[in-house]
Amino acid sequence: MTDRMPNAFSGHEPDEPAGPATGSMTGSMSPADKIAAATRRLAAALDAMESAVERRREYDRGSDELAARIQALGIDRSRLANELDGTLVRSRELERTNREIAERLDVAIGTIRSVIEEDAS
């Protein structure tokens, strides 16, 4: 039993021949043919690795863009929450001022009615 992992790119065991030159033909291949076959397998593995790296880069770019959008939304949310808080404070101040004015008007109207009633009597 070996401690080596299977070749992730070819799907073959590490000690198992891969590619078109497998089986009984392996023994009859010249050293140059073996090197050429190994070079083709290496090139295919490198191509697969480059594709995986590019897919990961695209994923990371998408993740970075998403993180930037989330951060921008968080900033907008904070700004809007602050504006809303300010608007609520202003609204409460206006309501309080409106009640005070209404009370003063009621007092003034009551005073005017009293004066008119006294003059009429």
N, C-alpha and C. Protein backbone atom coordinates (compact mmCIF):
# COMPACT_ATOMS: atom_id res chain seq x y z
N MET A 1 0.85 -1.18 0.00
CA MET A 1 0.00 0.00 0.00
C MET A 1 0.89 1.23 0.00
N THR A 2 0.54 2.23 -0.80
CA THR A 2 1.36 3.45 -0.89
C THR A 2 0.67 4.57 -0.16
N ASP A 3 1.45 5.59 0.22
CA ASP A 3 0.90 6.78 0.87
C ASP A 3 0.60 7.87 -0.14
N ARG A 4 0.80 7.62 -1.40
CA ARG A 4 0.62 8.65 -2.42
C ARG A 4 -0.85 8.78 -2.78
N MET A 5 -1.24 10.00 -3.10
CA MET A 5 -2.62 10.29 -3.48
C MET A 5 -2.79 10.01 -4.97
N PRO A 6 -4.03 9.73 -5.42
CA PRO A 6 -4.27 9.58 -6.85
C PRO A 6 -4.01 10.91 -7.55
N ASN A 7 -3.66 10.83 -8.82
CA ASN A 7 -3.42 12.03 -9.62
C ASN A 7 -4.75 12.72 -9.84
N ALA A 8 -4.89 13.93 -9.31
CA ALA A 8 -6.16 14.65 -9.36
C ALA A 8 -6.52 15.07 -10.77
N PHE A 9 -5.53 15.18 -11.66
CA PHE A 9 -5.81 15.67 -13.01
C PHE A 9 -6.14 14.54 -13.98
N SER A 10 -5.52 13.40 -13.80
CA SER A 10 -5.75 12.33 -14.77
C SER A 10 -6.75 11.30 -14.31
N GLY A 11 -6.99 11.24 -12.99
CA GLY A 11 -7.92 10.24 -12.49
C GLY A 11 -7.27 8.88 -12.34
N HIS A 12 -5.95 8.77 -12.54
CA HIS A 12 -5.23 7.51 -12.43
C HIS A 12 -4.49 7.45 -11.12
N GLU A 13 -4.18 6.24 -10.69
CA GLU A 13 -3.34 6.05 -9.52
C GLU A 13 -1.93 6.52 -9.87
N PRO A 14 -1.13 6.93 -8.90
CA PRO A 14 0.20 7.47 -9.19
C PRO A 14 1.12 6.50 -9.92
N ASP A 15 1.06 5.22 -9.60
CA ASP A 15 1.96 4.27 -10.24
C ASP A 15 1.36 3.65 -11.48
N GLU A 16 0.14 4.05 -11.82
CA GLU A 16 -0.55 3.49 -12.98
C GLU A 16 -0.25 4.34 -14.19
N PRO A 17 0.10 3.75 -15.32
CA PRO A 17 0.33 4.55 -16.53
C PRO A 17 -0.96 5.23 -16.95
N ALA A 18 -0.83 6.41 -17.52
CA ALA A 18 -2.00 7.16 -17.95
C ALA A 18 -1.84 7.53 -19.42
N GLY A 19 -2.93 7.98 -19.99
CA GLY A 19 -2.89 8.48 -21.37
C GLY A 19 -3.00 7.35 -22.36
N PRO A 20 -2.74 7.66 -23.64
CA PRO A 20 -2.94 6.68 -24.70
C PRO A 20 -1.95 5.52 -24.62
N ALA A 21 -0.80 5.73 -24.01
CA ALA A 21 0.20 4.67 -23.94
C ALA A 21 0.03 3.92 -22.63
N THR A 22 -0.95 3.02 -22.55
CA THR A 22 -1.20 2.26 -21.33
C THR A 22 -1.10 0.78 -21.61
N GLY A 23 -1.14 0.03 -20.56
CA GLY A 23 -1.20 -1.42 -20.71
C GLY A 23 0.11 -1.99 -21.22
N SER A 24 0.02 -2.98 -22.12
CA SER A 24 1.20 -3.69 -22.60
C SER A 24 2.06 -2.83 -23.51
N MET A 25 1.50 -1.74 -24.04
CA MET A 25 2.28 -0.89 -24.93
C MET A 25 3.33 -0.10 -24.16
N THR A 26 3.14 0.09 -22.85
CA THR A 26 4.07 0.89 -22.07
C THR A 26 5.48 0.31 -22.14
N GLY A 27 5.57 -0.97 -22.04
CA GLY A 27 6.88 -1.61 -22.09
C GLY A 27 7.54 -1.47 -23.45
N SER A 28 6.77 -1.37 -24.50
CA SER A 28 7.34 -1.30 -25.84
C SER A 28 7.60 0.13 -26.30
N MET A 29 7.23 1.14 -25.48
CA MET A 29 7.45 2.54 -25.86
C MET A 29 8.91 2.90 -25.68
N SER A 30 9.41 3.70 -26.58
CA SER A 30 10.79 4.16 -26.44
C SER A 30 10.84 5.23 -25.36
N PRO A 31 11.99 5.51 -24.80
CA PRO A 31 12.09 6.55 -23.79
C PRO A 31 11.59 7.90 -24.31
N ALA A 32 11.83 8.21 -25.56
CA ALA A 32 11.36 9.48 -26.13
C ALA A 32 9.84 9.52 -26.17
N ASP A 33 9.20 8.38 -26.52
CA ASP A 33 7.74 8.32 -26.54
C ASP A 33 7.17 8.45 -25.14
N LYS A 34 7.85 7.83 -24.17
CA LYS A 34 7.40 7.94 -22.78
C LYS A 34 7.48 9.39 -22.31
N ILE A 35 8.58 10.06 -22.67
CA ILE A 35 8.74 11.46 -22.28
C ILE A 35 7.68 12.31 -22.97
N ALA A 36 7.41 12.04 -24.24
CA ALA A 36 6.39 12.81 -24.97
C ALA A 36 5.01 12.59 -24.35
N ALA A 37 4.70 11.35 -23.97
CA ALA A 37 3.41 11.07 -23.34
C ALA A 37 3.32 11.76 -21.99
N ALA A 38 4.41 11.70 -21.23
CA ALA A 38 4.42 12.37 -19.92
C ALA A 38 4.28 13.87 -20.09
N THR A 39 4.92 14.42 -21.12
CA THR A 39 4.83 15.86 -21.39
C THR A 39 3.39 16.24 -21.74
N ARG A 40 2.72 15.41 -22.54
CA ARG A 40 1.31 15.68 -22.88
C ARG A 40 0.43 15.64 -21.63
N ARG A 41 0.67 14.65 -20.76
CA ARG A 41 -0.11 14.57 -19.53
C ARG A 41 0.15 15.79 -18.64
N LEU A 42 1.41 16.19 -18.57
CA LEU A 42 1.77 17.38 -17.78
C LEU A 42 1.10 18.62 -18.36
N ALA A 43 1.12 18.76 -19.68
CA ALA A 43 0.48 19.92 -20.32
C ALA A 43 -1.02 19.93 -20.05
N ALA A 44 -1.64 18.75 -20.11
CA ALA A 44 -3.08 18.67 -19.83
C ALA A 44 -3.36 19.02 -18.38
N ALA A 45 -2.50 18.56 -17.48
CA ALA A 45 -2.67 18.88 -16.06
C ALA A 45 -2.50 20.37 -15.82
N LEU A 46 -1.51 20.98 -16.47
CA LEU A 46 -1.29 22.42 -16.33
C LEU A 46 -2.47 23.21 -16.89
N ASP A 47 -3.01 22.77 -18.03
CA ASP A 47 -4.19 23.43 -18.60
C ASP A 47 -5.37 23.35 -17.63
N ALA A 48 -5.56 22.18 -17.04
CA ALA A 48 -6.65 22.01 -16.08
C ALA A 48 -6.44 22.91 -14.87
N MET A 49 -5.18 22.99 -14.41
CA MET A 49 -4.89 23.84 -13.26
C MET A 49 -5.11 25.32 -13.61
N GLU A 50 -4.68 25.75 -14.79
CA GLU A 50 -4.89 27.14 -15.21
C GLU A 50 -6.38 27.46 -15.29
N SER A 51 -7.16 26.53 -15.80
CA SER A 51 -8.61 26.74 -15.87
C SER A 51 -9.20 26.87 -14.47
N ALA A 52 -8.74 26.02 -13.56
CA ALA A 52 -9.24 26.08 -12.18
C ALA A 52 -8.85 27.40 -11.52
N VAL A 53 -7.63 27.86 -11.77
CA VAL A 53 -7.17 29.13 -11.21
C VAL A 53 -8.01 30.28 -11.77
N GLU A 54 -8.28 30.26 -13.06
CA GLU A 54 -9.08 31.33 -13.67
C GLU A 54 -10.50 31.33 -13.12
N ARG A 55 -11.08 30.14 -12.97
CA ARG A 55 -12.42 30.07 -12.38
C ARG A 55 -12.41 30.63 -10.96
N ARG A 56 -11.37 30.33 -10.20
CA ARG A 56 -11.26 30.84 -8.83
C ARG A 56 -11.10 32.36 -8.83
N ARG A 57 -10.31 32.88 -9.76
CA ARG A 57 -10.15 34.34 -9.86
C ARG A 57 -11.48 35.02 -10.17
N GLU A 58 -12.22 34.45 -11.09
CA GLU A 58 -13.54 35.01 -11.43
C GLU A 58 -14.46 34.96 -10.22
N TYR A 59 -14.43 33.85 -9.50
CA TYR A 59 -15.25 33.72 -8.29
C TYR A 59 -14.85 34.77 -7.27
N ASP A 60 -13.53 34.92 -7.07
CA ASP A 60 -13.04 35.91 -6.10
C ASP A 60 -13.41 37.32 -6.52
N ARG A 61 -13.32 37.62 -7.83
CA ARG A 61 -13.73 38.95 -8.31
C ARG A 61 -15.20 39.18 -8.01
N GLY A 62 -16.02 38.17 -8.26
CA GLY A 62 -17.44 38.29 -7.96
C GLY A 62 -17.68 38.48 -6.48
N SER A 63 -16.92 37.76 -5.66
CA SER A 63 -17.05 37.89 -4.21
C SER A 63 -16.63 39.28 -3.76
N ASP A 64 -15.55 39.81 -4.34
CA ASP A 64 -15.08 41.15 -3.99
C ASP A 64 -16.11 42.20 -4.37
N GLU A 65 -16.70 42.06 -5.57
CA GLU A 65 -17.73 43.00 -6.00
C GLU A 65 -18.94 42.94 -5.08
N LEU A 66 -19.33 41.73 -4.71
CA LEU A 66 -20.47 41.56 -3.80
C LEU A 66 -20.17 42.19 -2.44
N ALA A 67 -18.96 41.98 -1.94
CA ALA A 67 -18.59 42.57 -0.65
C ALA A 67 -18.61 44.09 -0.72
N ALA A 68 -18.14 44.65 -1.85
CA ALA A 68 -18.16 46.11 -2.02
C ALA A 68 -19.59 46.62 -2.06
N ARG A 69 -20.46 45.90 -2.75
CA ARG A 69 -21.87 46.31 -2.81
C ARG A 69 -22.51 46.25 -1.42
N ILE A 70 -22.22 45.19 -0.69
CA ILE A 70 -22.78 45.05 0.66
C ILE A 70 -22.29 46.17 1.55
N GLN A 71 -21.00 46.52 1.43
CA GLN A 71 -20.46 47.62 2.23
C GLN A 71 -21.14 48.93 1.85
N ALA A 72 -21.33 49.17 0.54
CA ALA A 72 -22.00 50.40 0.10
C ALA A 72 -23.43 50.45 0.62
N LEU A 73 -24.12 49.32 0.59
CA LEU A 73 -25.49 49.28 1.12
C LEU A 73 -25.50 49.55 2.62
N GLY A 74 -24.51 49.04 3.33
CA GLY A 74 -24.42 49.30 4.77
C GLY A 74 -24.20 50.77 5.06
N ILE A 75 -23.35 51.41 4.26
CA ILE A 75 -23.10 52.85 4.42
C ILE A 75 -24.38 53.63 4.13
N ASP A 76 -25.06 53.27 3.03
CA ASP A 76 -26.33 53.94 2.70
C ASP A 76 -27.36 53.75 3.81
N ARG A 77 -27.42 52.55 4.35
CA ARG A 77 -28.38 52.27 5.42
C ARG A 77 -28.08 53.13 6.65
N SER A 78 -26.81 53.24 7.00
CA SER A 78 -26.44 54.07 8.16
C SER A 78 -26.80 55.53 7.92
N ARG A 79 -26.52 56.01 6.71
CA ARG A 79 -26.84 57.40 6.39
C ARG A 79 -28.34 57.63 6.46
N LEU A 80 -29.11 56.72 5.88
CA LEU A 80 -30.57 56.86 5.89
C LEU A 80 -31.12 56.76 7.31
N ALA A 81 -30.54 55.89 8.13
CA ALA A 81 -30.99 55.77 9.52
C ALA A 81 -30.74 57.08 10.27
N ASN A 82 -29.57 57.70 10.04
CA ASN A 82 -29.27 58.98 10.68
C ASN A 82 -30.24 60.07 10.21
N GLU A 83 -30.51 60.09 8.90
CA GLU A 83 -31.46 61.08 8.38
C GLU A 83 -32.84 60.86 8.97
N LEU A 84 -33.26 59.61 9.07
CA LEU A 84 -34.57 59.30 9.64
C LEU A 84 -34.64 59.73 11.10
N ASP A 85 -33.58 59.47 11.86
CA ASP A 85 -33.56 59.90 13.26
C ASP A 85 -33.70 61.42 13.36
N GLY A 86 -32.96 62.14 12.52
CA GLY A 86 -33.06 63.60 12.51
C GLY A 86 -34.44 64.08 12.13
N THR A 87 -35.04 63.43 11.16
CA THR A 87 -36.39 63.80 10.72
C THR A 87 -37.41 63.53 11.83
N LEU A 88 -37.26 62.42 12.54
CA LEU A 88 -38.17 62.11 13.64
C LEU A 88 -38.06 63.15 14.76
N VAL A 89 -36.83 63.55 15.07
CA VAL A 89 -36.63 64.58 16.10
C VAL A 89 -37.31 65.87 15.66
N ARG A 90 -37.09 66.26 14.42
CA ARG A 90 -37.69 67.50 13.90
C ARG A 90 -39.21 67.40 13.90
N SER A 91 -39.75 66.25 13.53
CA SER A 91 -41.20 66.05 13.52
C SER A 91 -41.78 66.19 14.93
N ARG A 92 -41.12 65.63 15.92
CA ARG A 92 -41.59 65.74 17.30
C ARG A 92 -41.54 67.19 17.78
N GLU A 93 -40.49 67.90 17.40
CA GLU A 93 -40.39 69.32 17.77
C GLU A 93 -41.54 70.11 17.15
N LEU A 94 -41.84 69.84 15.87
CA LEU A 94 -42.94 70.54 15.20
C LEU A 94 -44.28 70.21 15.84
N GLU A 95 -44.49 68.94 16.22
CA GLU A 95 -45.74 68.57 16.88
C GLU A 95 -45.89 69.28 18.22
N ARG A 96 -44.81 69.35 19.00
CA ARG A 96 -44.84 70.03 20.29
C ARG A 96 -45.13 71.53 20.09
N THR A 97 -44.45 72.14 19.12
CA THR A 97 -44.68 73.56 18.83
C THR A 97 -46.11 73.79 18.38
N ASN A 98 -46.63 72.89 17.57
CA ASN A 98 -48.01 73.00 17.08
C ASN A 98 -48.99 72.94 18.25
N ARG A 99 -48.78 72.04 19.22
CA ARG A 99 -49.66 71.95 20.39
C ARG A 99 -49.59 73.24 21.22
N GLU A 100 -48.37 73.77 21.41
CA GLU A 100 -48.22 75.01 22.17
C GLU A 100 -48.97 76.16 21.49
N ILE A 101 -48.84 76.26 20.18
CA ILE A 101 -49.53 77.33 19.44
C ILE A 101 -51.04 77.14 19.54
N ALA A 102 -51.51 75.89 19.42
CA ALA A 102 -52.94 75.63 19.52
C ALA A 102 -53.46 76.03 20.91
N GLU A 103 -52.70 75.72 21.96
CA GLU A 103 -53.11 76.10 23.31
C GLU A 103 -53.16 77.62 23.46
N ARG A 104 -52.16 78.31 22.93
CA ARG A 104 -52.13 79.78 23.00
C ARG A 104 -53.30 80.38 22.22
N LEU A 105 -53.59 79.79 21.06
CA LEU A 105 -54.73 80.29 20.27
C LEU A 105 -56.04 80.08 21.04
N ASP A 106 -56.18 78.91 21.68
CA ASP A 106 -57.40 78.66 22.47
C ASP A 106 -57.53 79.69 23.60
N VAL A 107 -56.42 80.00 24.26
CA VAL A 107 -56.45 81.00 25.34
C VAL A 107 -56.82 82.37 24.75
N ALA A 108 -56.20 82.73 23.62
CA ALA A 108 -56.49 84.03 23.00
C ALA A 108 -57.94 84.11 22.55
N ILE A 109 -58.46 83.05 21.97
CA ILE A 109 -59.87 83.04 21.53
C ILE A 109 -60.78 83.16 22.74
N GLY A 110 -60.46 82.45 23.81
CA GLY A 110 -61.26 82.56 25.04
C GLY A 110 -61.24 83.97 25.60
N THR A 111 -60.08 84.61 25.59
CA THR A 111 -59.96 85.99 26.09
C THR A 111 -60.77 86.94 25.22
N ILE A 112 -60.69 86.80 23.92
CA ILE A 112 -61.43 87.67 23.00
C ILE A 112 -62.93 87.48 23.20
N ARG A 113 -63.39 86.26 23.38
CA ARG A 113 -64.82 86.01 23.60
C ARG A 113 -65.27 86.65 24.92
N SER A 114 -64.44 86.54 25.92
CA SER A 114 -64.79 87.16 27.22
C SER A 114 -64.93 88.67 27.07
N VAL A 115 -63.99 89.28 26.35
CA VAL A 115 -64.04 90.73 26.16
C VAL A 115 -65.28 91.11 25.36
N ILE A 116 -65.60 90.36 24.33
CA ILE A 116 -66.78 90.66 23.51
C ILE A 116 -68.05 90.49 24.34
N GLU A 117 -68.13 89.45 25.16
CA GLU A 117 -69.31 89.23 25.99
C GLU A 117 -69.47 90.33 27.03
N GLU A 118 -68.35 90.81 27.60
CA GLU A 118 -68.42 91.89 28.59
C GLU A 118 -68.89 93.19 27.92
N ASP A 119 -68.43 93.45 26.72
CA ASP A 119 -68.84 94.66 26.01
C ASP A 119 -70.30 94.57 25.59
N ALA A 120 -70.77 93.37 25.29
CA ALA A 120 -72.15 93.20 24.86
C ALA A 120 -73.11 93.33 26.04
N SER A 121 -72.65 93.11 27.24
CA SER A 121 -73.55 93.19 28.38
C SER A 121 -73.68 94.54 28.95
